[in-house]
Amino acid sequence: MRILVTGAAGLLGYYVVNEALARGDRCVGCARSAADTGVAAQLAAGNYRYIPLDICDHAALAALFADYRPEAVIHCAAWRNAVTAQLPENRAAVYAVNAAATGDIAGLCARYGSKLIFISTDYVYNGSGSAPWPADDILPDPLNVYGCSKLEGERAVARRMDAFYIVRTAWLFGIHGGNFADTMLRLGRTRDSLSVVDDQIGAPTYTKDLARLLLDMARSDRYGYYNAVNTGDFVSRCGFAAEIFRQAGLRVRLNPVSTAEFTADALPRPLNERLDLSALPANGFRLLPDWKDALSRYLKEMNCNG
């Protein structure tokens, strides 16, 4: 297949590109970075091309589609930092990336007959209650600018395309970009105690596992809304940190605190981040492995990559 990956230099895009190449696909990756150093050279074998491109540049994006005519687009690019997204001076740029550019990509996919897989977030939900959020929830209620902008991106896709994938995920971790697991490992090597929030409940997602699912979707036509995180028991952020330290062999004393106690940035955050994954097996897709197994593989990969 001819695959286009936006955000190819990022936490998820890195694995999506490598998974596409491992399957023998042709792949074009784009991101704002001048160079992509993440893709394993031995996998490329002439099938990979990286293009520095700002997805907010509609003319450049349109030219790329006209030249490459992708069969599937896996849209990973986003303004991901929810704290900086909340700042008034950044809001226009956040919506430009997460909503307007996503709508442009959807329109181009419709024009060229490309499948679109848009990566969204559990932050489109308001986090109330304790029941897992269904993937087909039609009345999400985001609490912050990041969640609102991603929801607008979802709606832009639905306006421009009749068939598409929207994949809501959460708590991403992997070797190619900053994330909670990486932060815990860094802090755990230099501190003997940490305060970590204990009232945000969800499930971690290893981006290597998520990438495999996204490439499976690119080869199917079972379109719709999906939640995708690693399986296993739901856990708090503090509980996730405890498992990271246990598997990494780090002795760190954890002080569980509430979100209200811990955060100084005043960003409204959902507390119930449990996601209902039932749409995946119902449509023939494999669930992601248990998050503790995923964490073990991530730690091994971290060691292998220095």
C-alpha atoms as a PDB file:
ATOM      1  CA  MET A   1       0.000   0.000   0.000  1.00  0.00           C
ATOM      2  CA  ARG A   2       0.920   3.640  -0.368  1.00  0.00           C
ATOM      3  CA  ILE A   3       0.752   5.061   3.156  1.00  0.00           C
ATOM      4  CA  LEU A   4       1.013   8.715   4.205  1.00  0.00           C
ATOM      5  CA  VAL A   5       1.861   9.339   7.857  1.00  0.00           C
ATOM      6  CA  THR A   6       1.521  12.809   9.330  1.00  0.00           C
ATOM      7  CA  GLY A   7       3.514  13.540  12.467  1.00  0.00           C
ATOM      8  CA  ALA A   8       5.980  10.918  11.273  1.00  0.00           C
ATOM      9  CA  ALA A   9       8.756  12.112  13.590  1.00  0.00           C
ATOM     10  CA  GLY A  10       6.647  11.829  16.736  1.00  0.00           C
ATOM     11  CA  LEU A  11       5.767   9.430  19.521  1.00  0.00           C
ATOM     12  CA  LEU A  12       3.230   7.445  17.475  1.00  0.00           C
ATOM     13  CA  GLY A  13       4.257   8.333  13.927  1.00  0.00           C
ATOM     14  CA  TYR A  14       7.707   6.780  14.465  1.00  0.00           C
ATOM     15  CA  TYR A  15       6.194   3.344  15.062  1.00  0.00           C
ATOM     16  CA  VAL A  16       3.543   3.723  12.359  1.00  0.00           C
ATOM     17  CA  VAL A  17       6.202   4.394   9.720  1.00  0.00           C
ATOM     18  CA  ASN A  18       8.363   1.487  10.859  1.00  0.00           C
ATOM     19  CA  GLU A  19       5.378  -0.873  10.998  1.00  0.00           C
ATOM     20  CA  ALA A  20       4.326   0.144   7.480  1.00  0.00           C
ATOM     21  CA  LEU A  21       7.818  -0.469   6.143  1.00  0.00           C
ATOM     22  CA  ALA A  22       8.076  -3.814   7.957  1.00  0.00           C
ATOM     23  CA  ARG A  23       4.909  -4.877   6.106  1.00  0.00           C
ATOM     24  CA  GLY A  24       6.398  -3.923   2.763  1.00  0.00           C
ATOM     25  CA  ASP A  25       4.336  -0.786   2.222  1.00  0.00           C
ATOM     26  CA  ARG A  26       5.555   2.312   0.467  1.00  0.00           C
ATOM     27  CA  CYS A  27       5.485   5.158   2.935  1.00  0.00           C
ATOM     28  CA  VAL A  28       5.760   8.925   2.903  1.00  0.00           C
ATOM     29  CA  GLY A  29       6.158  10.576   6.274  1.00  0.00           C
ATOM     30  CA  CYS A  30       5.743  14.262   6.939  1.00  0.00           C
ATOM     31  CA  ALA A  31       6.254  16.501   9.947  1.00  0.00           C
ATOM     32  CA  ARG A  32       7.444  20.025  10.668  1.00  0.00           C
ATOM     33  CA  SER A  33      10.946  18.797  11.599  1.00  0.00           C
ATOM     34  CA  ALA A  34      13.659  19.425   9.036  1.00  0.00           C
ATOM     35  CA  ALA A  35      14.781  15.791   9.243  1.00  0.00           C
ATOM     36  CA  ASP A  36      13.384  12.486  10.471  1.00  0.00           C
ATOM     37  CA  THR A  37      16.020  10.490  12.318  1.00  0.00           C
ATOM     38  CA  GLY A  38      13.592   7.982  13.798  1.00  0.00           C
ATOM     39  CA  VAL A  39      13.035   5.473  11.005  1.00  0.00           C
ATOM     40  CA  ALA A  40      15.308   2.449  11.044  1.00  0.00           C
ATOM     41  CA  ALA A  41      17.501   2.762   7.959  1.00  0.00           C
ATOM     42  CA  GLN A  42      17.564  -0.984   7.357  1.00  0.00           C
ATOM     43  CA  LEU A  43      13.783  -1.024   6.977  1.00  0.00           C
ATOM     44  CA  ALA A  44      13.520   1.760   4.453  1.00  0.00           C
ATOM     45  CA  ALA A  45      15.034  -0.079   1.475  1.00  0.00           C
ATOM     46  CA  GLY A  46      13.934   2.666  -0.861  1.00  0.00           C
ATOM     47  CA  ASN A  47      10.297   2.496   0.259  1.00  0.00           C
ATOM     48  CA  TYR A  48      10.383   5.521   2.571  1.00  0.00           C
ATOM     49  CA  ARG A  49      10.475   9.226   1.845  1.00  0.00           C
ATOM     50  CA  TYR A  50      10.380  11.935   4.509  1.00  0.00           C
ATOM     51  CA  ILE A  51       9.075  15.390   3.676  1.00  0.00           C
ATOM     52  CA  PRO A  52       9.327  18.381   6.037  1.00  0.00           C
ATOM     53  CA  LEU A  53       5.823  19.799   5.842  1.00  0.00           C
ATOM     54  CA  ASP A  54       3.551  21.912   8.000  1.00  0.00           C
ATOM     55  CA  ILE A  55       0.057  20.385   7.716  1.00  0.00           C
ATOM     56  CA  CYS A  56      -1.384  23.897   8.105  1.00  0.00           C
ATOM     57  CA  ASP A  57       0.135  24.739   4.689  1.00  0.00           C
ATOM     58  CA  HIS A  58      -2.802  23.712   2.527  1.00  0.00           C
ATOM     59  CA  ALA A  59      -1.018  24.283  -0.780  1.00  0.00           C
ATOM     60  CA  ALA A  60       1.924  22.073   0.203  1.00  0.00           C
ATOM     61  CA  LEU A  61      -0.438  19.414   1.538  1.00  0.00           C
ATOM     62  CA  ALA A  62      -2.514  19.451  -1.645  1.00  0.00           C
ATOM     63  CA  ALA A  63       0.631  19.156  -3.781  1.00  0.00           C
ATOM     64  CA  LEU A  64       1.758  16.135  -1.738  1.00  0.00           C
ATOM     65  CA  PHE A  65      -1.584  14.379  -2.249  1.00  0.00           C
ATOM     66  CA  ALA A  66      -1.579  15.139  -5.968  1.00  0.00           C
ATOM     67  CA  ASP A  67       1.933  13.743  -6.352  1.00  0.00           C
ATOM     68  CA  TYR A  68       1.746  10.706  -4.057  1.00  0.00           C
ATOM     69  CA  ARG A  69      -1.978   9.791  -4.147  1.00  0.00           C
ATOM     70  CA  PRO A  70      -1.897   7.795  -0.896  1.00  0.00           C
ATOM     71  CA  GLU A  71      -4.173   4.811  -0.485  1.00  0.00           C
ATOM     72  CA  ALA A  72      -4.336   5.410   3.263  1.00  0.00           C
ATOM     73  CA  VAL A  73      -3.489   8.357   5.517  1.00  0.00           C
ATOM     74  CA  ILE A  74      -2.672   7.777   9.179  1.00  0.00           C
ATOM     75  CA  HIS A  75      -3.023  11.215  10.705  1.00  0.00           C
ATOM     76  CA  CYS A  76      -0.862  11.345  13.844  1.00  0.00           C
ATOM     77  CA  ALA A  77       0.157  15.005  13.712  1.00  0.00           C
ATOM     78  CA  ALA A  78      -1.339  17.124  16.479  1.00  0.00           C
ATOM     79  CA  TRP A  79      -0.755  19.803  19.050  1.00  0.00           C
ATOM     80  CA  ARG A  80      -0.473  17.265  21.886  1.00  0.00           C
ATOM     81  CA  ASN A  81       0.547  19.374  24.864  1.00  0.00           C
ATOM     82  CA  ALA A  82      -2.731  20.050  26.659  1.00  0.00           C
ATOM     83  CA  VAL A  83      -1.161  22.536  29.079  1.00  0.00           C
ATOM     84  CA  THR A  84       0.303  24.810  26.403  1.00  0.00           C
ATOM     85  CA  ALA A  85      -2.862  24.392  24.315  1.00  0.00           C
ATOM     86  CA  GLN A  86      -4.816  26.021  27.128  1.00  0.00           C
ATOM     87  CA  LEU A  87      -2.807  29.257  26.942  1.00  0.00           C
ATOM     88  CA  PRO A  88      -4.830  32.032  25.256  1.00  0.00           C
ATOM     89  CA  GLU A  89      -1.950  32.983  22.972  1.00  0.00           C
ATOM     90  CA  ASN A  90      -1.795  29.426  21.560  1.00  0.00           C
ATOM     91  CA  ARG A  91      -5.466  28.670  21.007  1.00  0.00           C
ATOM     92  CA  ALA A  92      -5.688  29.815  17.389  1.00  0.00           C
ATOM     93  CA  ALA A  93      -2.657  27.706  16.478  1.00  0.00           C
ATOM     94  CA  VAL A  94      -4.045  24.692  18.371  1.00  0.00           C
ATOM     95  CA  TYR A  95      -7.310  24.799  16.423  1.00  0.00           C
ATOM     96  CA  ALA A  96      -5.420  25.373  13.168  1.00  0.00           C
ATOM     97  CA  VAL A  97      -3.467  22.143  13.675  1.00  0.00           C
ATOM     98  CA  ASN A  98      -5.993  19.879  15.403  1.00  0.00           C
ATOM     99  CA  ALA A  99      -9.178  20.990  13.640  1.00  0.00           C
ATOM    100  CA  ALA A 100      -8.685  23.042  10.469  1.00  0.00           C
ATOM    101  CA  ALA A 101      -5.727  21.068   9.099  1.00  0.00           C
ATOM    102  CA  THR A 102      -7.506  17.813   9.937  1.00  0.00           C
ATOM    103  CA  GLY A 103     -10.480  19.009   7.906  1.00  0.00           C
ATOM    104  CA  ASP A 104      -8.160  19.829   4.991  1.00  0.00           C
ATOM    105  CA  ILE A 105      -6.655  16.344   5.150  1.00  0.00           C
ATOM    106  CA  ALA A 106     -10.116  14.777   5.217  1.00  0.00           C
ATOM    107  CA  GLY A 107     -11.157  16.805   2.189  1.00  0.00           C
ATOM    108  CA  LEU A 108      -8.085  15.686   0.270  1.00  0.00           C
ATOM    109  CA  CYS A 109      -8.686  12.070   1.273  1.00  0.00           C
ATOM    110  CA  ALA A 110     -12.222  12.339  -0.083  1.00  0.00           C
ATOM    111  CA  ARG A 111     -10.925  13.836  -3.331  1.00  0.00           C
ATOM    112  CA  TYR A 112      -8.301  11.162  -3.940  1.00  0.00           C
ATOM    113  CA  GLY A 113     -10.139   8.169  -2.497  1.00  0.00           C
ATOM    114  CA  SER A 114      -7.707   7.723   0.397  1.00  0.00           C
ATOM    115  CA  LYS A 115      -8.697   5.985   3.608  1.00  0.00           C
ATOM    116  CA  LEU A 116      -8.288   8.226   6.643  1.00  0.00           C
ATOM    117  CA  ILE A 117      -7.378   7.116  10.155  1.00  0.00           C
ATOM    118  CA  PHE A 118      -7.515  10.095  12.511  1.00  0.00           C
ATOM    119  CA  ILE A 119      -5.917   9.737  15.947  1.00  0.00           C
ATOM    120  CA  SER A 120      -8.082  11.399  18.570  1.00  0.00           C
ATOM    121  CA  THR A 121      -8.059  11.353  22.357  1.00  0.00           C
ATOM    122  CA  ASP A 122      -9.963  10.344  25.473  1.00  0.00           C
ATOM    123  CA  TYR A 123      -9.889  14.054  26.345  1.00  0.00           C
ATOM    124  CA  VAL A 124     -13.002  14.468  24.187  1.00  0.00           C
ATOM    125  CA  TYR A 125     -14.875  12.947  27.167  1.00  0.00           C
ATOM    126  CA  ASN A 126     -15.579  14.907  30.341  1.00  0.00           C
ATOM    127  CA  GLY A 127     -14.324  12.168  32.661  1.00  0.00           C
ATOM    128  CA  SER A 128     -17.408  11.972  34.875  1.00  0.00           C
ATOM    129  CA  GLY A 129     -18.579   8.795  36.593  1.00  0.00           C
ATOM    130  CA  SER A 130     -16.689   5.521  36.537  1.00  0.00           C
ATOM    131  CA  ALA A 131     -18.113   3.585  33.569  1.00  0.00           C
ATOM    132  CA  PRO A 132     -15.864   3.082  30.522  1.00  0.00           C
ATOM    133  CA  TRP A 133     -16.649   5.545  27.748  1.00  0.00           C
ATOM    134  CA  PRO A 134     -18.140   3.921  24.616  1.00  0.00           C
ATOM    135  CA  ALA A 135     -16.416   4.576  21.304  1.00  0.00           C
ATOM    136  CA  ASP A 136     -19.682   5.651  19.677  1.00  0.00           C
ATOM    137  CA  ASP A 137     -20.547   8.242  22.325  1.00  0.00           C
ATOM    138  CA  ILE A 138     -22.224  10.945  20.263  1.00  0.00           C
ATOM    139  CA  LEU A 139     -22.220  13.639  22.945  1.00  0.00           C
ATOM    140  CA  PRO A 140     -18.650  13.996  24.182  1.00  0.00           C
ATOM    141  CA  ASP A 141     -18.026  16.953  26.443  1.00  0.00           C
ATOM    142  CA  PRO A 142     -14.359  17.976  26.571  1.00  0.00           C
ATOM    143  CA  LEU A 143     -13.082  19.975  29.529  1.00  0.00           C
ATOM    144  CA  ASN A 144     -10.156  21.811  27.946  1.00  0.00           C
ATOM    145  CA  VAL A 145      -8.959  23.421  24.724  1.00  0.00           C
ATOM    146  CA  TYR A 146      -6.956  20.389  23.629  1.00  0.00           C
ATOM    147  CA  GLY A 147      -9.999  18.116  23.940  1.00  0.00           C
ATOM    148  CA  CYS A 148     -12.256  20.663  22.236  1.00  0.00           C
ATOM    149  CA  SER A 149      -9.841  21.072  19.323  1.00  0.00           C
ATOM    150  CA  LYS A 150      -9.573  17.306  18.788  1.00  0.00           C
ATOM    151  CA  LEU A 151     -13.356  16.977  18.894  1.00  0.00           C
ATOM    152  CA  GLU A 152     -13.587  19.701  16.250  1.00  0.00           C
ATOM    153  CA  GLY A 153     -11.104  17.673  14.208  1.00  0.00           C
ATOM    154  CA  GLU A 154     -13.369  14.614  14.509  1.00  0.00           C
ATOM    155  CA  ARG A 155     -16.349  16.647  13.370  1.00  0.00           C
ATOM    156  CA  ALA A 156     -14.402  18.093  10.445  1.00  0.00           C
ATOM    157  CA  VAL A 157     -13.599  14.561   9.290  1.00  0.00           C
ATOM    158  CA  ALA A 158     -17.251  13.505   9.568  1.00  0.00           C
ATOM    159  CA  ARG A 159     -18.369  16.543   7.540  1.00  0.00           C
ATOM    160  CA  ARG A 160     -15.992  15.857   4.671  1.00  0.00           C
ATOM    161  CA  MET A 161     -16.021  12.060   4.419  1.00  0.00           C
ATOM    162  CA  ASP A 162     -18.694   9.377   4.352  1.00  0.00           C
ATOM    163  CA  ALA A 163     -16.395   6.629   5.683  1.00  0.00           C
ATOM    164  CA  PHE A 164     -13.419   7.067   8.000  1.00  0.00           C
ATOM    165  CA  TYR A 165     -11.680   5.804  11.130  1.00  0.00           C
ATOM    166  CA  ILE A 166     -11.547   7.879  14.287  1.00  0.00           C
ATOM    167  CA  VAL A 167      -9.408   6.235  16.965  1.00  0.00           C
ATOM    168  CA  ARG A 168      -9.526   7.654  20.476  1.00  0.00           C
ATOM    169  CA  THR A 169      -6.567   6.698  22.616  1.00  0.00           C
ATOM    170  CA  ALA A 170      -4.865   7.738  25.858  1.00  0.00           C
ATOM    171  CA  TRP A 171      -1.693   7.703  27.953  1.00  0.00           C
ATOM    172  CA  LEU A 172       0.690   7.082  25.063  1.00  0.00           C
ATOM    173  CA  PHE A 173       4.201   5.849  25.780  1.00  0.00           C
ATOM    174  CA  GLY A 174       7.080   4.730  23.561  1.00  0.00           C
ATOM    175  CA  ILE A 175      10.750   5.322  22.882  1.00  0.00           C
ATOM    176  CA  HIS A 176      10.462   8.185  20.398  1.00  0.00           C
ATOM    177  CA  GLY A 177       9.164  11.216  22.257  1.00  0.00           C
ATOM    178  CA  GLY A 178       8.449  12.569  25.707  1.00  0.00           C
ATOM    179  CA  ASN A 179       5.761  10.777  27.715  1.00  0.00           C
ATOM    180  CA  PHE A 180       4.723   9.833  31.269  1.00  0.00           C
ATOM    181  CA  ALA A 181       6.684   6.568  31.374  1.00  0.00           C
ATOM    182  CA  ASP A 182       9.849   8.271  30.166  1.00  0.00           C
ATOM    183  CA  THR A 183       9.402  11.047  32.737  1.00  0.00           C
ATOM    184  CA  MET A 184       8.900   8.549  35.581  1.00  0.00           C
ATOM    185  CA  LEU A 185      12.040   6.648  34.615  1.00  0.00           C
ATOM    186  CA  ARG A 186      14.075   9.843  34.477  1.00  0.00           C
ATOM    187  CA  LEU A 187      12.808  11.087  37.831  1.00  0.00           C
ATOM    188  CA  GLY A 188      13.016   7.655  39.428  1.00  0.00           C
ATOM    189  CA  ARG A 189      16.746   7.481  38.757  1.00  0.00           C
ATOM    190  CA  THR A 190      17.406  10.722  40.652  1.00  0.00           C
ATOM    191  CA  ARG A 191      14.783  10.861  43.420  1.00  0.00           C
ATOM    192  CA  ASP A 192      13.818   8.532  46.231  1.00  0.00           C
ATOM    193  CA  SER A 193      10.214   9.808  46.490  1.00  0.00           C
ATOM    194  CA  LEU A 194       7.628  11.286  44.127  1.00  0.00           C
ATOM    195  CA  SER A 195       4.088  12.618  44.370  1.00  0.00           C
ATOM    196  CA  VAL A 196       1.865  11.241  41.580  1.00  0.00           C
ATOM    197  CA  VAL A 197      -1.851  11.762  40.995  1.00  0.00           C
ATOM    198  CA  ASP A 198      -4.041   8.865  42.060  1.00  0.00           C
ATOM    199  CA  ASP A 199      -7.515   9.921  40.918  1.00  0.00           C
ATOM    200  CA  GLN A 200      -7.042   9.862  37.136  1.00  0.00           C
ATOM    201  CA  ILE A 201      -7.991   6.320  36.110  1.00  0.00           C
ATOM    202  CA  GLY A 202      -7.395   4.812  32.689  1.00  0.00           C
ATOM    203  CA  ALA A 203      -5.068   2.548  30.752  1.00  0.00           C
ATOM    204  CA  PRO A 204      -1.642   3.147  29.164  1.00  0.00           C
ATOM    205  CA  THR A 205      -1.020   2.683  25.441  1.00  0.00           C
ATOM    206  CA  TYR A 206       2.278   1.459  23.980  1.00  0.00           C
ATOM    207  CA  THR A 207       2.518   3.229  20.640  1.00  0.00           C
ATOM    208  CA  LYS A 208       4.224   0.207  19.054  1.00  0.00           C
ATOM    209  CA  ASP A 209       1.099  -1.860  19.740  1.00  0.00           C
ATOM    210  CA  LEU A 210      -1.219   0.913  18.576  1.00  0.00           C
ATOM    211  CA  ALA A 211       0.728   1.257  15.311  1.00  0.00           C
ATOM    212  CA  ARG A 212       0.036  -2.392  14.455  1.00  0.00           C
ATOM    213  CA  LEU A 213      -3.696  -1.837  14.933  1.00  0.00           C
ATOM    214  CA  LEU A 214      -3.659   1.282  12.748  1.00  0.00           C
ATOM    215  CA  LEU A 215      -1.968  -0.594   9.893  1.00  0.00           C
ATOM    216  CA  ASP A 216      -4.535  -3.378  10.259  1.00  0.00           C
ATOM    217  CA  MET A 217      -7.258  -0.752   9.923  1.00  0.00           C
ATOM    218  CA  ALA A 218      -5.610   0.665   6.811  1.00  0.00           C
ATOM    219  CA  ARG A 219      -6.083  -2.758   5.199  1.00  0.00           C
ATOM    220  CA  SER A 220      -9.738  -3.055   6.128  1.00  0.00           C
ATOM    221  CA  ASP A 221     -13.004  -1.275   5.455  1.00  0.00           C
ATOM    222  CA  ARG A 222     -14.620  -1.628   8.874  1.00  0.00           C
ATOM    223  CA  TYR A 223     -14.885   2.111   9.346  1.00  0.00           C
ATOM    224  CA  GLY A 224     -16.161   3.903  12.403  1.00  0.00           C
ATOM    225  CA  TYR A 225     -15.273   5.215  15.846  1.00  0.00           C
ATOM    226  CA  TYR A 226     -12.939   3.132  18.012  1.00  0.00           C
ATOM    227  CA  ASN A 227     -11.273   3.355  21.399  1.00  0.00           C
ATOM    228  CA  ALA A 228      -7.811   1.821  21.516  1.00  0.00           C
ATOM    229  CA  VAL A 229      -5.580   1.430  24.573  1.00  0.00           C
ATOM    230  CA  ASN A 230      -3.698  -1.547  25.945  1.00  0.00           C
ATOM    231  CA  THR A 231      -5.854  -4.045  27.812  1.00  0.00           C
ATOM    232  CA  GLY A 232      -5.570  -5.146  31.449  1.00  0.00           C
ATOM    233  CA  ASP A 233      -6.922  -3.700  34.660  1.00  0.00           C
ATOM    234  CA  PHE A 234      -7.604   0.012  34.728  1.00  0.00           C
ATOM    235  CA  VAL A 235      -5.020   1.864  36.785  1.00  0.00           C
ATOM    236  CA  SER A 236      -4.333   5.299  38.226  1.00  0.00           C
ATOM    237  CA  ARG A 237      -1.384   7.396  37.154  1.00  0.00           C
ATOM    238  CA  CYS A 238       0.184   6.578  40.506  1.00  0.00           C
ATOM    239  CA  GLY A 239      -0.439   2.866  39.981  1.00  0.00           C
ATOM    240  CA  PHE A 240       1.145   3.065  36.536  1.00  0.00           C
ATOM    241  CA  ALA A 241       4.188   4.776  38.046  1.00  0.00           C
ATOM    242  CA  ALA A 242       4.443   2.039  40.690  1.00  0.00           C
ATOM    243  CA  GLU A 243       4.502  -0.659  37.987  1.00  0.00           C
ATOM    244  CA  ILE A 244       7.103   1.266  35.989  1.00  0.00           C
ATOM    245  CA  PHE A 245       9.390   1.411  39.024  1.00  0.00           C
ATOM    246  CA  ARG A 246       8.740  -2.234  39.914  1.00  0.00           C
ATOM    247  CA  GLN A 247       9.622  -3.513  36.454  1.00  0.00           C
ATOM    248  CA  ALA A 248      12.599  -1.162  36.145  1.00  0.00           C
ATOM    249  CA  GLY A 249      13.963  -2.197  39.545  1.00  0.00           C
ATOM    250  CA  LEU A 250      13.853   1.342  40.956  1.00  0.00           C
ATOM    251  CA  ARG A 251      13.135   1.927  44.641  1.00  0.00           C
ATOM    252  CA  VAL A 252      10.966   5.036  44.752  1.00  0.00           C
ATOM    253  CA  ARG A 253       8.482   5.932  47.476  1.00  0.00           C
ATOM    254  CA  LEU A 254       5.216   7.147  45.959  1.00  0.00           C
ATOM    255  CA  ASN A 255       2.949   9.711  47.577  1.00  0.00           C
ATOM    256  CA  PRO A 256      -0.561   9.454  46.027  1.00  0.00           C
ATOM    257  CA  VAL A 257      -2.200  12.864  45.621  1.00  0.00           C
ATOM    258  CA  SER A 258      -5.353  14.201  43.983  1.00  0.00           C
ATOM    259  CA  THR A 259      -5.291  16.063  40.698  1.00  0.00           C
ATOM    260  CA  ALA A 260      -6.480  19.194  42.505  1.00  0.00           C
ATOM    261  CA  GLU A 261      -3.607  18.930  44.993  1.00  0.00           C
ATOM    262  CA  PHE A 262      -0.920  18.194  42.436  1.00  0.00           C
ATOM    263  CA  THR A 263      -1.498  20.389  39.416  1.00  0.00           C
ATOM    264  CA  ALA A 264      -0.495  24.023  39.493  1.00  0.00           C
ATOM    265  CA  ASP A 265      -1.424  24.758  35.876  1.00  0.00           C
ATOM    266  CA  ALA A 266      -5.212  24.881  36.451  1.00  0.00           C
ATOM    267  CA  LEU A 267      -5.828  22.701  33.394  1.00  0.00           C
ATOM    268  CA  PRO A 268      -9.189  20.906  33.721  1.00  0.00           C
ATOM    269  CA  ARG A 269      -8.509  17.191  33.311  1.00  0.00           C
ATOM    270  CA  PRO A 270     -10.889  14.238  33.032  1.00  0.00           C
ATOM    271  CA  LEU A 271     -10.614  11.834  35.972  1.00  0.00           C
ATOM    272  CA  ASN A 272     -12.448   8.867  34.460  1.00  0.00           C
ATOM    273  CA  GLU A 273     -10.337   7.946  31.430  1.00  0.00           C
ATOM    274  CA  ARG A 274     -11.604   4.366  31.207  1.00  0.00           C
ATOM    275  CA  LEU A 275     -12.364   3.450  27.586  1.00  0.00           C
ATOM    276  CA  ASP A 276     -14.720   0.760  26.313  1.00  0.00           C
ATOM    277  CA  LEU A 277     -12.789  -1.305  23.770  1.00  0.00           C
ATOM    278  CA  SER A 278     -15.615  -3.584  22.642  1.00  0.00           C
ATOM    279  CA  ALA A 279     -15.892  -2.046  19.157  1.00  0.00           C
ATOM    280  CA  LEU A 280     -12.512  -3.531  18.228  1.00  0.00           C
ATOM    281  CA  PRO A 281     -13.273  -7.275  18.559  1.00  0.00           C
ATOM    282  CA  ALA A 282     -16.849  -6.661  17.404  1.00  0.00           C
ATOM    283  CA  ASN A 283     -15.389  -5.568  14.062  1.00  0.00           C
ATOM    284  CA  GLY A 284     -12.666  -8.200  13.800  1.00  0.00           C
ATOM    285  CA  PHE A 285      -9.728  -6.212  15.185  1.00  0.00           C
ATOM    286  CA  ARG A 286      -7.422  -7.686  17.808  1.00  0.00           C
ATOM    287  CA  LEU A 287      -7.299  -6.007  21.187  1.00  0.00           C
ATOM    288  CA  LEU A 288      -3.944  -4.573  22.199  1.00  0.00           C
ATOM    289  CA  PRO A 289      -1.932  -6.706  24.674  1.00  0.00           C
ATOM    290  CA  ASP A 290      -2.018  -6.206  28.430  1.00  0.00           C
ATOM    291  CA  TRP A 291      -0.375  -2.916  29.389  1.00  0.00           C
ATOM    292  CA  LYS A 292       1.972  -4.583  31.888  1.00  0.00           C
ATOM    293  CA  ASP A 293       3.309  -6.801  29.096  1.00  0.00           C
ATOM    294  CA  ALA A 294       3.576  -3.725  26.876  1.00  0.00           C
ATOM    295  CA  LEU A 295       5.520  -1.897  29.579  1.00  0.00           C
ATOM    296  CA  SER A 296       7.940  -4.823  29.857  1.00  0.00           C
ATOM    297  CA  ARG A 297       8.603  -4.713  26.110  1.00  0.00           C
ATOM    298  CA  TYR A 298       9.016  -0.935  26.199  1.00  0.00           C
ATOM    299  CA  LEU A 299      11.625  -1.180  28.963  1.00  0.00           C
ATOM    300  CA  LYS A 300      13.534  -3.799  26.967  1.00  0.00           C
ATOM    301  CA  GLU A 301      13.380  -1.563  23.913  1.00  0.00           C
ATOM    302  CA  MET A 302      14.679   1.344  25.969  1.00  0.00           C
ATOM    303  CA  ASN A 303      17.655  -0.749  27.031  1.00  0.00           C
ATOM    304  CA  CYS A 304      18.307  -1.855  23.458  1.00  0.00           C
ATOM    305  CA  ASN A 305      18.253   1.749  22.307  1.00  0.00           C
ATOM    306  CA  GLY A 306      20.533   3.041  25.036  1.00  0.00           C
END
